[in-house]
């Protein structure tokens, strides 16, 4: 039974790694579409979201089967439950990348962003591209240190997102550009938030500690 469980868990892990790689491609493609008005890249992201959704469904089915047939406990149960949550997180990241690509495709051949906003959005895209690389690596290697870096670095993306509000208030842009700045900025910021959620899941898989939960006095921890 243990051999069967390990084989089935390896298949689930491989599918999850594949899903993370597809999300990285979607993020990079959405960035190309947004910054370079690349309609082919936009369409590739939009079409590719179907595969991400299919992988999520497959992973959920496999995890439910494992829970029902193998009744995992302790660390095994932690991995299966965390895998379910990671699949959901990656699916949402794929949706957000698709939204960005759709925004770029809608205004093609023009950009949905005014020229004044493009440097900030270029920084956000570059940040997310690096985060996506880290996300793939931390998942494949179960690397808690990289995951912790992803969690801590999110403040940088939040600061860039805050700058988009100022850009949206400029007097020399259209109402539609204001809407696009707000929406696209929000989509990119949420991509970062979901990457943090994925990183927390990896830390939990490795250590059993959930970094989203802070200790309290009731748990017997001294807090200054």
N, C-alpha and C. Protein backbone atom coordinates (compact mmCIF):
# COMPACT_ATOMS: atom_id res chain seq x y z
N UNK A 1 0.82 -1.21 0.00
CA UNK A 1 0.00 0.00 0.00
C UNK A 1 0.85 1.27 0.00
N UNK A 2 1.96 1.22 0.76
CA UNK A 2 2.83 2.39 0.83
C UNK A 2 3.46 2.68 -0.51
N UNK A 3 3.84 1.62 -1.23
CA UNK A 3 4.44 1.81 -2.56
C UNK A 3 3.44 2.47 -3.50
N UNK A 4 2.21 2.00 -3.45
CA UNK A 4 1.16 2.58 -4.31
C UNK A 4 0.94 4.05 -3.96
N UNK A 5 0.88 4.34 -2.67
CA UNK A 5 0.68 5.72 -2.23
C UNK A 5 1.80 6.61 -2.75
N UNK A 6 3.05 6.17 -2.62
CA UNK A 6 4.19 6.98 -3.06
C UNK A 6 4.15 7.21 -4.57
N UNK A 7 3.77 6.18 -5.32
CA UNK A 7 3.68 6.33 -6.78
C UNK A 7 2.60 7.33 -7.16
N UNK A 8 1.46 7.25 -6.49
CA UNK A 8 0.36 8.16 -6.80
C UNK A 8 0.69 9.59 -6.37
N UNK A 9 1.39 9.74 -5.25
CA UNK A 9 1.78 11.07 -4.81
C UNK A 9 2.81 11.68 -5.76
N UNK A 10 3.67 10.86 -6.33
CA UNK A 10 4.64 11.37 -7.29
C UNK A 10 3.94 11.89 -8.53
N UNK A 11 2.90 11.20 -8.97
CA UNK A 11 2.15 11.67 -10.13
C UNK A 11 1.48 13.01 -9.83
N UNK A 12 0.91 13.13 -8.64
CA UNK A 12 0.28 14.39 -8.25
C UNK A 12 1.33 15.50 -8.20
N UNK A 13 2.49 15.21 -7.61
CA UNK A 13 3.55 16.21 -7.51
C UNK A 13 4.03 16.64 -8.88
N UNK A 14 4.14 15.69 -9.81
CA UNK A 14 4.56 16.02 -11.17
C UNK A 14 3.54 16.94 -11.84
N UNK A 15 2.27 16.64 -11.65
CA UNK A 15 1.22 17.48 -12.23
C UNK A 15 1.24 18.89 -11.62
N UNK A 16 1.51 18.97 -10.33
CA UNK A 16 1.57 20.27 -9.67
C UNK A 16 2.77 21.08 -10.17
N UNK A 17 3.91 20.40 -10.36
CA UNK A 17 5.08 21.08 -10.93
C UNK A 17 4.77 21.59 -12.33
N UNK A 18 4.10 20.77 -13.12
CA UNK A 18 3.70 21.17 -14.48
C UNK A 18 2.78 22.38 -14.43
N UNK A 19 1.88 22.39 -13.48
CA UNK A 19 0.95 23.50 -13.32
C UNK A 19 1.70 24.79 -12.98
N UNK A 20 2.66 24.70 -12.08
CA UNK A 20 3.45 25.87 -11.70
C UNK A 20 4.23 26.40 -12.90
N UNK A 21 4.77 25.50 -13.72
CA UNK A 21 5.50 25.93 -14.91
C UNK A 21 4.57 26.61 -15.91
N UNK A 22 3.35 26.11 -16.05
CA UNK A 22 2.38 26.73 -16.94
C UNK A 22 1.99 28.13 -16.44
N UNK A 23 1.88 28.27 -15.12
CA UNK A 23 1.56 29.58 -14.56
C UNK A 23 2.70 30.55 -14.83
N UNK A 24 3.94 30.08 -14.70
CA UNK A 24 5.08 30.95 -15.01
C UNK A 24 5.02 31.41 -16.47
N UNK A 25 4.73 30.50 -17.38
CA UNK A 25 4.61 30.87 -18.79
C UNK A 25 3.49 31.89 -18.99
N UNK A 26 2.39 31.71 -18.27
CA UNK A 26 1.26 32.63 -18.40
C UNK A 26 1.63 34.03 -17.90
N UNK A 27 2.34 34.10 -16.78
CA UNK A 27 2.76 35.40 -16.25
C UNK A 27 3.69 36.10 -17.22
N UNK A 28 4.68 35.36 -17.74
CA UNK A 28 5.62 35.96 -18.68
C UNK A 28 4.93 36.38 -19.97
N UNK A 29 4.01 35.54 -20.45
CA UNK A 29 3.29 35.87 -21.66
C UNK A 29 2.39 37.08 -21.49
N UNK A 30 1.74 37.18 -20.34
CA UNK A 30 0.89 38.33 -20.06
C UNK A 30 1.72 39.61 -20.01
N UNK A 31 2.93 39.50 -19.45
CA UNK A 31 3.82 40.66 -19.41
C UNK A 31 4.23 41.10 -20.80
N UNK A 32 4.56 40.14 -21.66
CA UNK A 32 4.90 40.47 -23.05
C UNK A 32 3.73 41.14 -23.75
N UNK A 33 2.55 40.61 -23.54
CA UNK A 33 1.36 41.16 -24.19
C UNK A 33 1.10 42.59 -23.73
N UNK A 34 1.27 42.84 -22.44
CA UNK A 34 0.95 44.15 -21.88
C UNK A 34 1.98 45.20 -22.24
N UNK A 35 3.26 44.84 -22.15
CA UNK A 35 4.31 45.84 -22.33
C UNK A 35 4.71 46.04 -23.79
N UNK A 36 4.51 44.99 -24.62
CA UNK A 36 4.96 45.06 -26.01
C UNK A 36 3.82 44.99 -27.02
N UNK A 37 2.60 45.03 -26.54
CA UNK A 37 1.42 44.93 -27.40
C UNK A 37 1.53 43.72 -28.33
N UNK A 38 1.88 42.58 -27.72
CA UNK A 38 2.06 41.34 -28.46
C UNK A 38 0.77 40.53 -28.39
N UNK A 39 -0.03 40.66 -29.44
CA UNK A 39 -1.35 40.02 -29.42
C UNK A 39 -1.24 38.50 -29.49
N UNK A 40 -0.20 37.99 -30.13
CA UNK A 40 -0.02 36.54 -30.18
C UNK A 40 0.31 35.98 -28.79
N UNK A 41 1.13 36.70 -28.05
CA UNK A 41 1.43 36.28 -26.68
C UNK A 41 0.17 36.31 -25.83
N UNK A 42 -0.65 37.34 -26.03
CA UNK A 42 -1.90 37.45 -25.28
C UNK A 42 -2.80 36.26 -25.56
N UNK A 43 -2.94 35.91 -26.83
CA UNK A 43 -3.83 34.81 -27.20
C UNK A 43 -3.30 33.48 -26.67
N UNK A 44 -1.98 33.32 -26.65
CA UNK A 44 -1.39 32.09 -26.12
C UNK A 44 -1.73 31.93 -24.63
N UNK A 45 -1.65 33.03 -23.90
CA UNK A 45 -2.00 32.98 -22.47
C UNK A 45 -3.47 32.63 -22.28
N UNK A 46 -4.32 33.27 -23.07
CA UNK A 46 -5.76 33.03 -22.95
C UNK A 46 -6.10 31.58 -23.28
N UNK A 47 -5.53 31.07 -24.37
CA UNK A 47 -5.80 29.68 -24.76
C UNK A 47 -5.19 28.70 -23.76
N UNK A 48 -4.03 29.04 -23.22
CA UNK A 48 -3.34 28.14 -22.31
C UNK A 48 -4.01 27.98 -20.96
N UNK A 49 -4.91 28.89 -20.62
CA UNK A 49 -5.58 28.80 -19.32
C UNK A 49 -6.43 27.53 -19.22
N UNK A 50 -6.85 27.01 -20.35
CA UNK A 50 -7.64 25.78 -20.35
C UNK A 50 -6.82 24.63 -19.77
N UNK A 51 -5.54 24.57 -20.14
CA UNK A 51 -4.69 23.49 -19.64
C UNK A 51 -4.47 23.62 -18.13
N UNK A 52 -4.30 24.85 -17.66
CA UNK A 52 -4.13 25.06 -16.22
C UNK A 52 -5.37 24.60 -15.48
N UNK A 53 -6.54 24.94 -16.00
CA UNK A 53 -7.80 24.52 -15.37
C UNK A 53 -7.91 22.99 -15.36
N UNK A 54 -7.50 22.36 -16.46
CA UNK A 54 -7.59 20.90 -16.56
C UNK A 54 -6.65 20.23 -15.55
N UNK A 55 -5.47 20.80 -15.37
CA UNK A 55 -4.53 20.25 -14.40
C UNK A 55 -5.08 20.37 -12.98
N UNK A 56 -5.72 21.51 -12.69
CA UNK A 56 -6.32 21.66 -11.36
C UNK A 56 -7.36 20.57 -11.12
N UNK A 57 -8.23 20.35 -12.10
CA UNK A 57 -9.27 19.32 -11.95
C UNK A 57 -8.67 17.94 -11.74
N UNK A 58 -7.61 17.64 -12.50
CA UNK A 58 -6.95 16.34 -12.37
C UNK A 58 -6.32 16.17 -10.99
N UNK A 59 -5.65 17.22 -10.51
CA UNK A 59 -5.01 17.16 -9.20
C UNK A 59 -6.05 16.99 -8.10
N UNK A 60 -7.14 17.70 -8.19
CA UNK A 60 -8.20 17.56 -7.19
C UNK A 60 -8.74 16.13 -7.17
N UNK A 61 -9.00 15.58 -8.35
CA UNK A 61 -9.50 14.21 -8.43
C UNK A 61 -8.51 13.21 -7.82
N UNK A 62 -7.24 13.41 -8.12
CA UNK A 62 -6.22 12.49 -7.59
C UNK A 62 -6.11 12.60 -6.06
N UNK A 63 -6.18 13.84 -5.55
CA UNK A 63 -6.07 14.03 -4.10
C UNK A 63 -7.27 13.46 -3.37
N UNK A 64 -8.45 13.66 -3.93
CA UNK A 64 -9.66 13.08 -3.32
C UNK A 64 -9.56 11.56 -3.31
N UNK A 65 -9.05 10.98 -4.39
CA UNK A 65 -8.86 9.53 -4.44
C UNK A 65 -7.88 9.08 -3.35
N UNK A 66 -6.80 9.83 -3.18
CA UNK A 66 -5.81 9.48 -2.15
C UNK A 66 -6.42 9.55 -0.75
N UNK A 67 -7.20 10.59 -0.52
CA UNK A 67 -7.83 10.74 0.80
C UNK A 67 -8.82 9.61 1.07
N UNK A 68 -9.55 9.22 0.04
CA UNK A 68 -10.60 8.20 0.22
C UNK A 68 -10.03 6.79 0.30
N UNK A 69 -9.02 6.51 -0.51
CA UNK A 69 -8.52 5.14 -0.63
C UNK A 69 -7.30 4.85 0.25
N UNK A 70 -6.47 5.87 0.47
CA UNK A 70 -5.23 5.63 1.20
C UNK A 70 -5.26 6.15 2.64
N UNK A 71 -6.25 6.98 2.97
CA UNK A 71 -6.40 7.56 4.31
C UNK A 71 -5.07 8.00 4.91
N UNK A 72 -4.40 8.96 4.27
CA UNK A 72 -3.10 9.41 4.77
C UNK A 72 -3.24 10.12 6.12
N UNK A 73 -2.17 10.10 6.91
CA UNK A 73 -2.14 10.76 8.21
C UNK A 73 -0.83 11.53 8.34
N UNK A 74 -0.76 12.37 9.37
CA UNK A 74 0.47 13.10 9.71
C UNK A 74 1.01 13.86 8.50
N UNK A 75 2.29 13.67 8.19
CA UNK A 75 2.94 14.42 7.11
C UNK A 75 2.27 14.16 5.77
N UNK A 76 1.88 12.91 5.51
CA UNK A 76 1.24 12.58 4.23
C UNK A 76 -0.06 13.36 4.06
N UNK A 77 -0.84 13.44 5.11
CA UNK A 77 -2.10 14.18 5.04
C UNK A 77 -1.83 15.66 4.80
N UNK A 78 -0.80 16.20 5.46
CA UNK A 78 -0.42 17.60 5.28
C UNK A 78 -0.06 17.89 3.82
N UNK A 79 0.66 16.97 3.21
CA UNK A 79 1.07 17.16 1.81
C UNK A 79 -0.14 17.12 0.88
N UNK A 80 -1.04 16.16 1.10
CA UNK A 80 -2.21 16.04 0.21
C UNK A 80 -3.10 17.27 0.32
N UNK A 81 -3.40 17.70 1.53
CA UNK A 81 -4.26 18.87 1.72
C UNK A 81 -3.60 20.13 1.16
N UNK A 82 -2.31 20.28 1.38
CA UNK A 82 -1.59 21.44 0.86
C UNK A 82 -1.56 21.43 -0.66
N UNK A 83 -1.46 20.24 -1.24
CA UNK A 83 -1.47 20.12 -2.70
C UNK A 83 -2.80 20.60 -3.27
N UNK A 84 -3.89 20.25 -2.61
CA UNK A 84 -5.20 20.74 -3.05
C UNK A 84 -5.25 22.26 -3.06
N UNK A 85 -4.73 22.87 -2.01
CA UNK A 85 -4.75 24.32 -1.91
C UNK A 85 -3.82 24.97 -2.92
N UNK A 86 -2.66 24.35 -3.16
CA UNK A 86 -1.73 24.89 -4.15
C UNK A 86 -2.34 24.85 -5.55
N UNK A 87 -3.03 23.77 -5.86
CA UNK A 87 -3.67 23.67 -7.18
C UNK A 87 -4.69 24.78 -7.37
N UNK A 88 -5.47 25.06 -6.32
CA UNK A 88 -6.44 26.14 -6.38
C UNK A 88 -5.76 27.49 -6.54
N UNK A 89 -4.66 27.69 -5.85
CA UNK A 89 -3.90 28.94 -5.94
C UNK A 89 -3.35 29.14 -7.34
N UNK A 90 -2.76 28.09 -7.91
CA UNK A 90 -2.19 28.21 -9.24
C UNK A 90 -3.27 28.44 -10.29
N UNK A 91 -4.43 27.82 -10.10
CA UNK A 91 -5.53 28.04 -11.05
C UNK A 91 -5.94 29.51 -11.05
N UNK A 92 -6.00 30.10 -9.86
CA UNK A 92 -6.38 31.51 -9.77
C UNK A 92 -5.31 32.40 -10.39
N UNK A 93 -4.05 32.03 -10.21
CA UNK A 93 -2.97 32.81 -10.84
C UNK A 93 -3.08 32.75 -12.36
N UNK A 94 -3.44 31.59 -12.88
CA UNK A 94 -3.66 31.48 -14.32
C UNK A 94 -4.79 32.38 -14.79
N UNK A 95 -5.86 32.46 -14.00
CA UNK A 95 -6.98 33.34 -14.34
C UNK A 95 -6.54 34.81 -14.37
N UNK A 96 -5.75 35.20 -13.38
CA UNK A 96 -5.29 36.59 -13.30
C UNK A 96 -4.38 36.94 -14.48
N UNK A 97 -3.49 36.02 -14.84
CA UNK A 97 -2.64 36.25 -16.01
C UNK A 97 -3.50 36.37 -17.27
N UNK A 98 -4.53 35.55 -17.37
CA UNK A 98 -5.45 35.63 -18.51
C UNK A 98 -6.15 36.98 -18.55
N UNK A 99 -6.56 37.51 -17.39
CA UNK A 99 -7.21 38.83 -17.35
C UNK A 99 -6.28 39.91 -17.89
N UNK A 100 -5.01 39.84 -17.51
CA UNK A 100 -4.04 40.83 -18.01
C UNK A 100 -3.90 40.70 -19.52
N UNK A 101 -3.80 39.47 -20.01
CA UNK A 101 -3.68 39.24 -21.45
C UNK A 101 -4.91 39.74 -22.19
N UNK A 102 -6.08 39.52 -21.62
CA UNK A 102 -7.32 39.99 -22.26
C UNK A 102 -7.35 41.51 -22.31
N UNK A 103 -6.85 42.17 -21.27
CA UNK A 103 -6.79 43.63 -21.28
C UNK A 103 -5.88 44.15 -22.37
N UNK A 104 -4.75 43.47 -22.58
CA UNK A 104 -3.82 43.87 -23.63
C UNK A 104 -4.42 43.61 -25.02
N UNK A 105 -5.10 42.47 -25.17
CA UNK A 105 -5.70 42.14 -26.47
C UNK A 105 -6.83 43.10 -26.83
N UNK A 106 -7.56 43.55 -25.84
CA UNK A 106 -8.72 44.41 -26.09
C UNK A 106 -8.34 45.71 -26.78
N UNK A 107 -7.20 46.28 -26.44
CA UNK A 107 -6.82 47.59 -26.99
C UNK A 107 -5.83 47.49 -28.15
N UNK A 108 -5.43 46.25 -28.52
CA UNK A 108 -4.45 46.06 -29.59
C UNK A 108 -4.90 46.78 -30.87
N UNK A 109 -3.98 47.48 -31.59
CA UNK A 109 -2.52 47.53 -31.42
C UNK A 109 -2.03 48.58 -30.41
N UNK A 110 -2.94 49.31 -29.81
CA UNK A 110 -2.53 50.29 -28.81
C UNK A 110 -2.36 49.60 -27.46
N UNK A 111 -1.67 50.27 -26.56
CA UNK A 111 -1.52 49.76 -25.20
C UNK A 111 -2.66 50.25 -24.33
N UNK A 112 -3.12 49.43 -23.40
CA UNK A 112 -4.15 49.90 -22.47
C UNK A 112 -3.59 50.90 -21.46
N UNK A 113 -2.27 51.02 -21.41
CA UNK A 113 -1.63 51.90 -20.43
C UNK A 113 -1.10 53.16 -21.10
N UNK A 114 -1.25 54.31 -20.45
CA UNK A 114 -0.59 55.52 -20.95
C UNK A 114 0.92 55.39 -20.80
N UNK A 115 1.65 56.15 -21.55
CA UNK A 115 3.11 56.06 -21.50
C UNK A 115 3.65 56.31 -20.10
N UNK A 116 3.00 57.21 -19.37
CA UNK A 116 3.48 57.56 -18.03
C UNK A 116 3.42 56.38 -17.06
N UNK A 117 2.53 55.41 -17.32
CA UNK A 117 2.34 54.29 -16.41
C UNK A 117 3.23 53.09 -16.75
N UNK A 118 3.80 53.07 -17.93
CA UNK A 118 4.49 51.88 -18.37
C UNK A 118 5.74 51.54 -17.55
N UNK A 119 6.55 52.51 -17.09
CA UNK A 119 7.72 52.14 -16.27
C UNK A 119 7.35 51.39 -14.99
N UNK A 120 6.31 51.83 -14.30
CA UNK A 120 5.90 51.18 -13.06
C UNK A 120 5.39 49.77 -13.36
N UNK A 121 4.59 49.64 -14.41
CA UNK A 121 4.07 48.32 -14.74
C UNK A 121 5.18 47.39 -15.23
N UNK A 122 6.19 47.95 -15.89
CA UNK A 122 7.33 47.14 -16.29
C UNK A 122 8.05 46.59 -15.07
N UNK A 123 8.18 47.39 -14.01
CA UNK A 123 8.80 46.92 -12.77
C UNK A 123 7.95 45.83 -12.12
N UNK A 124 6.64 46.00 -12.15
CA UNK A 124 5.75 44.99 -11.56
C UNK A 124 5.87 43.66 -12.32
N UNK A 125 5.90 43.74 -13.64
CA UNK A 125 6.02 42.53 -14.46
C UNK A 125 7.36 41.85 -14.21
N UNK A 126 8.43 42.63 -14.14
CA UNK A 126 9.75 42.07 -13.88
C UNK A 126 9.79 41.38 -12.51
N UNK A 127 9.20 42.02 -11.52
CA UNK A 127 9.14 41.43 -10.18
C UNK A 127 8.40 40.10 -10.23
N UNK A 128 7.25 40.06 -10.90
CA UNK A 128 6.45 38.84 -10.95
C UNK A 128 7.13 37.74 -11.75
N UNK A 129 7.88 38.12 -12.77
CA UNK A 129 8.63 37.13 -13.54
C UNK A 129 9.67 36.45 -12.66
N UNK A 130 10.37 37.24 -11.86
CA UNK A 130 11.35 36.66 -10.93
C UNK A 130 10.66 35.81 -9.87
N UNK A 131 9.52 36.29 -9.39
CA UNK A 131 8.78 35.52 -8.39
C UNK A 131 8.31 34.19 -8.95
N UNK A 132 7.87 34.20 -10.21
CA UNK A 132 7.41 32.96 -10.84
C UNK A 132 8.54 31.94 -10.95
N UNK A 133 9.74 32.43 -11.28
CA UNK A 133 10.91 31.53 -11.32
C UNK A 133 11.17 30.92 -9.95
N UNK A 134 11.11 31.77 -8.92
CA UNK A 134 11.33 31.28 -7.56
C UNK A 134 10.25 30.28 -7.15
N UNK A 135 9.02 30.56 -7.57
CA UNK A 135 7.90 29.71 -7.21
C UNK A 135 8.07 28.30 -7.78
N UNK A 136 8.48 28.22 -9.04
CA UNK A 136 8.70 26.92 -9.66
C UNK A 136 9.81 26.17 -8.93
N UNK A 137 10.90 26.88 -8.61
CA UNK A 137 12.02 26.24 -7.93
C UNK A 137 11.69 25.78 -6.53
N UNK A 138 10.99 26.63 -5.78
CA UNK A 138 10.70 26.27 -4.38
C UNK A 138 9.76 25.07 -4.33
N UNK A 139 8.87 24.95 -5.32
CA UNK A 139 7.94 23.83 -5.33
C UNK A 139 8.65 22.53 -5.71
N UNK A 140 9.48 22.60 -6.75
CA UNK A 140 10.16 21.40 -7.21
C UNK A 140 11.14 20.87 -6.17
N UNK A 141 11.80 21.79 -5.46
CA UNK A 141 12.83 21.39 -4.49
C UNK A 141 12.33 21.37 -3.05
N UNK A 142 11.05 21.74 -2.85
CA UNK A 142 10.52 21.89 -1.48
C UNK A 142 11.47 22.78 -0.66
N UNK A 143 11.78 23.94 -1.25
CA UNK A 143 12.78 24.86 -0.71
C UNK A 143 12.11 25.91 0.16
N UNK A 144 12.15 25.71 1.46
CA UNK A 144 11.48 26.64 2.38
C UNK A 144 12.17 28.01 2.42
N UNK A 145 13.50 28.04 2.23
CA UNK A 145 14.21 29.32 2.26
C UNK A 145 13.77 30.22 1.11
N UNK A 146 13.68 29.65 -0.07
CA UNK A 146 13.19 30.43 -1.21
C UNK A 146 11.75 30.88 -0.98
N UNK A 147 10.96 30.00 -0.41
CA UNK A 147 9.57 30.35 -0.11
C UNK A 147 9.50 31.54 0.85
N UNK A 148 10.36 31.55 1.83
CA UNK A 148 10.38 32.65 2.79
C UNK A 148 10.79 33.96 2.12
N UNK A 149 11.70 33.89 1.15
CA UNK A 149 12.08 35.09 0.39
C UNK A 149 10.88 35.63 -0.39
N UNK A 150 10.12 34.74 -1.00
CA UNK A 150 8.92 35.16 -1.74
C UNK A 150 7.95 35.89 -0.82
N UNK A 151 7.78 35.36 0.37
CA UNK A 151 6.86 35.96 1.34
C UNK A 151 7.34 37.36 1.75
N UNK A 152 8.61 37.49 2.05
CA UNK A 152 9.15 38.76 2.53
C UNK A 152 9.23 39.81 1.43
N UNK A 153 9.49 39.39 0.19
CA UNK A 153 9.67 40.33 -0.91
C UNK A 153 8.37 40.94 -1.40
N UNK A 154 7.24 40.42 -0.98
CA UNK A 154 5.95 40.89 -1.50
C UNK A 154 5.72 42.37 -1.21
N UNK A 155 6.34 42.91 -0.16
CA UNK A 155 6.18 44.32 0.15
C UNK A 155 6.63 45.21 -1.01
N UNK A 156 7.61 44.74 -1.79
CA UNK A 156 8.10 45.53 -2.92
C UNK A 156 7.00 45.68 -3.98
N UNK A 157 6.29 44.60 -4.23
CA UNK A 157 5.20 44.65 -5.21
C UNK A 157 4.07 45.52 -4.69
N UNK A 158 3.79 45.43 -3.39
CA UNK A 158 2.74 46.27 -2.81
C UNK A 158 3.07 47.75 -2.96
N UNK A 159 4.34 48.09 -2.81
CA UNK A 159 4.76 49.49 -2.96
C UNK A 159 4.58 49.96 -4.40
N UNK A 160 4.90 49.10 -5.36
CA UNK A 160 4.69 49.45 -6.76
C UNK A 160 3.21 49.59 -7.06
N UNK A 161 2.41 48.69 -6.50
CA UNK A 161 0.96 48.78 -6.70
C UNK A 161 0.41 50.10 -6.17
N UNK A 162 0.93 50.55 -5.04
CA UNK A 162 0.48 51.82 -4.48
C UNK A 162 0.75 52.97 -5.44
N UNK A 163 1.85 52.89 -6.17
CA UNK A 163 2.18 53.95 -7.14
C UNK A 163 1.16 54.03 -8.27
N UNK A 164 0.52 52.90 -8.59
CA UNK A 164 -0.45 52.92 -9.68
C UNK A 164 -1.66 53.79 -9.35
N UNK A 165 -1.97 53.93 -8.06
CA UNK A 165 -3.10 54.79 -7.69
C UNK A 165 -2.82 56.24 -8.06
N UNK A 166 -1.59 56.68 -7.83
CA UNK A 166 -1.21 58.04 -8.20
C UNK A 166 -1.27 58.23 -9.71
N UNK A 167 -0.83 57.21 -10.45
CA UNK A 167 -0.88 57.29 -11.91
C UNK A 167 -2.32 57.38 -12.41
N UNK A 168 -3.23 56.68 -11.74
CA UNK A 168 -4.63 56.67 -12.16
C UNK A 168 -5.31 58.01 -11.92
N UNK A 169 -4.73 58.85 -11.08
CA UNK A 169 -5.32 60.15 -10.76
C UNK A 169 -4.79 61.28 -11.64
N UNK A 170 -3.92 60.96 -12.59
CA UNK A 170 -3.33 61.99 -13.45
C UNK A 170 -4.41 62.64 -14.31
N UNK A 171 -4.21 63.91 -14.61
CA UNK A 171 -5.20 64.67 -15.37
C UNK A 171 -5.10 64.44 -16.88
N UNK A 172 -3.97 63.93 -17.35
CA UNK A 172 -3.75 63.85 -18.79
C UNK A 172 -4.03 62.47 -19.38
N UNK A 173 -4.85 61.68 -18.70
CA UNK A 173 -5.21 60.36 -19.23
C UNK A 173 -6.72 60.25 -19.35
N UNK A 174 -7.16 59.30 -20.17
CA UNK A 174 -8.59 59.13 -20.39
C UNK A 174 -9.22 58.33 -19.25
N UNK A 175 -10.54 58.35 -19.20
CA UNK A 175 -11.24 57.57 -18.19
C UNK A 175 -10.97 56.09 -18.35
N UNK A 176 -10.93 55.64 -19.61
CA UNK A 176 -10.67 54.22 -19.84
C UNK A 176 -9.27 53.84 -19.38
N UNK A 177 -8.30 54.72 -19.59
CA UNK A 177 -6.94 54.44 -19.11
C UNK A 177 -6.89 54.39 -17.59
N UNK A 178 -7.68 55.24 -16.95
CA UNK A 178 -7.76 55.19 -15.49
C UNK A 178 -8.28 53.84 -15.02
N UNK A 179 -9.34 53.38 -15.68
CA UNK A 179 -9.91 52.07 -15.33
C UNK A 179 -8.89 50.96 -15.57
N UNK A 180 -8.19 51.02 -16.70
CA UNK A 180 -7.22 49.98 -17.03
C UNK A 180 -6.06 49.97 -16.04
N UNK A 181 -5.58 51.13 -15.65
CA UNK A 181 -4.48 51.20 -14.67
C UNK A 181 -4.91 50.53 -13.36
N UNK A 182 -6.11 50.87 -12.90
CA UNK A 182 -6.58 50.32 -11.63
C UNK A 182 -6.76 48.81 -11.72
N UNK A 183 -7.42 48.34 -12.77
CA UNK A 183 -7.70 46.91 -12.90
C UNK A 183 -6.43 46.10 -13.12
N UNK A 184 -5.60 46.54 -14.06
CA UNK A 184 -4.38 45.79 -14.36
C UNK A 184 -3.43 45.80 -13.17
N UNK A 185 -3.34 46.92 -12.49
CA UNK A 185 -2.52 46.98 -11.29
C UNK A 185 -3.01 46.01 -10.23
N UNK A 186 -4.31 45.93 -10.07
CA UNK A 186 -4.90 45.01 -9.10
C UNK A 186 -4.63 43.56 -9.47
N UNK A 187 -4.77 43.23 -10.76
CA UNK A 187 -4.50 41.86 -11.19
C UNK A 187 -3.06 41.46 -10.87
N UNK A 188 -2.11 42.36 -11.15
CA UNK A 188 -0.70 42.05 -10.90
C UNK A 188 -0.42 41.94 -9.40
N UNK A 189 -1.03 42.82 -8.62
CA UNK A 189 -0.83 42.75 -7.18
C UNK A 189 -1.38 41.46 -6.61
N UNK A 190 -2.52 41.02 -7.12
CA UNK A 190 -3.11 39.77 -6.64
C UNK A 190 -2.27 38.55 -7.06
N UNK A 191 -1.62 38.63 -8.21
CA UNK A 191 -0.70 37.56 -8.58
C UNK A 191 0.39 37.40 -7.53
N UNK A 192 0.90 38.52 -7.05
CA UNK A 192 1.90 38.47 -5.99
C UNK A 192 1.36 37.88 -4.71
N UNK A 193 0.13 38.25 -4.36
CA UNK A 193 -0.49 37.71 -3.15
C UNK A 193 -0.64 36.20 -3.22
N UNK A 194 -1.04 35.70 -4.39
CA UNK A 194 -1.21 34.26 -4.54
C UNK A 194 0.13 33.53 -4.53
N UNK A 195 1.17 34.18 -5.05
CA UNK A 195 2.50 33.59 -4.96
C UNK A 195 2.92 33.45 -3.50
N UNK A 196 2.59 34.45 -2.69
CA UNK A 196 2.87 34.39 -1.25
C UNK A 196 2.09 33.24 -0.62
N UNK A 197 0.83 33.08 -1.00
CA UNK A 197 0.02 31.98 -0.48
C UNK A 197 0.65 30.63 -0.83
N UNK A 198 1.15 30.51 -2.07
CA UNK A 198 1.82 29.27 -2.47
C UNK A 198 3.08 29.04 -1.66
N UNK A 199 3.82 30.10 -1.42
CA UNK A 199 5.06 29.99 -0.63
C UNK A 199 4.76 29.53 0.80
N UNK A 200 3.71 30.04 1.37
CA UNK A 200 3.32 29.62 2.72
C UNK A 200 2.95 28.15 2.76
N UNK A 201 2.32 27.67 1.69
CA UNK A 201 1.98 26.25 1.63
C UNK A 201 3.25 25.39 1.59
N UNK A 202 4.24 25.86 0.85
CA UNK A 202 5.49 25.10 0.77
C UNK A 202 6.18 25.05 2.13
N UNK A 203 6.21 26.18 2.83
CA UNK A 203 6.79 26.20 4.17
C UNK A 203 6.04 25.23 5.07
N UNK A 204 4.73 25.19 4.94
CA UNK A 204 3.91 24.29 5.77
C UNK A 204 4.20 22.83 5.44
N UNK A 205 4.35 22.51 4.15
CA UNK A 205 4.67 21.14 3.76
C UNK A 205 5.99 20.70 4.37
N UNK A 206 6.99 21.59 4.31
CA UNK A 206 8.33 21.24 4.75
C UNK A 206 8.43 21.16 6.27
N UNK A 207 7.83 22.15 6.96
CA UNK A 207 8.07 22.28 8.41
C UNK A 207 6.88 21.96 9.29
N UNK A 208 5.69 21.99 8.70
CA UNK A 208 4.49 21.84 9.52
C UNK A 208 4.06 23.13 10.17
N UNK A 209 4.81 24.21 9.93
CA UNK A 209 4.50 25.52 10.50
C UNK A 209 3.82 26.37 9.45
N UNK A 210 2.70 26.98 9.81
CA UNK A 210 1.98 27.86 8.91
C UNK A 210 2.40 29.30 9.19
N UNK A 211 3.20 29.92 8.30
CA UNK A 211 3.70 31.28 8.57
C UNK A 211 2.63 32.35 8.52
N UNK A 212 1.43 32.00 8.07
CA UNK A 212 0.34 32.99 8.07
C UNK A 212 -0.29 33.14 9.44
N UNK A 213 0.04 32.21 10.36
CA UNK A 213 -0.51 32.24 11.71
C UNK A 213 0.55 32.68 12.70
N UNK A 214 0.26 33.70 13.44
CA UNK A 214 1.21 34.19 14.43
C UNK A 214 0.91 33.57 15.79
N UNK A 215 1.94 33.23 16.54
CA UNK A 215 1.70 32.65 17.87
C UNK A 215 1.08 33.66 18.81
N UNK A 216 0.34 33.16 19.78
CA UNK A 216 -0.29 34.02 20.78
C UNK A 216 0.17 33.61 22.16
N UNK A 217 -0.16 34.42 23.18
CA UNK A 217 0.19 34.07 24.57
C UNK A 217 -0.51 32.78 24.99
N UNK A 218 -1.72 32.55 24.45
CA UNK A 218 -2.46 31.35 24.82
C UNK A 218 -1.74 30.09 24.38
N UNK A 219 -0.84 30.22 23.33
CA UNK A 219 -0.10 29.07 22.85
C UNK A 219 1.20 28.89 23.60
N UNK A 220 1.42 29.72 24.64
CA UNK A 220 2.60 29.54 25.48
C UNK A 220 3.85 30.19 24.93
N UNK A 221 3.72 31.17 24.02
CA UNK A 221 4.87 31.84 23.43
C UNK A 221 4.99 33.23 24.03
N UNK A 222 6.19 33.62 24.42
CA UNK A 222 6.41 34.96 24.97
C UNK A 222 6.40 35.98 23.83
N UNK A 223 5.61 37.01 23.98
CA UNK A 223 5.54 38.07 23.00
C UNK A 223 5.82 39.39 23.70
N UNK A 224 6.76 40.16 23.11
CA UNK A 224 7.09 41.46 23.72
C UNK A 224 5.94 42.46 23.58
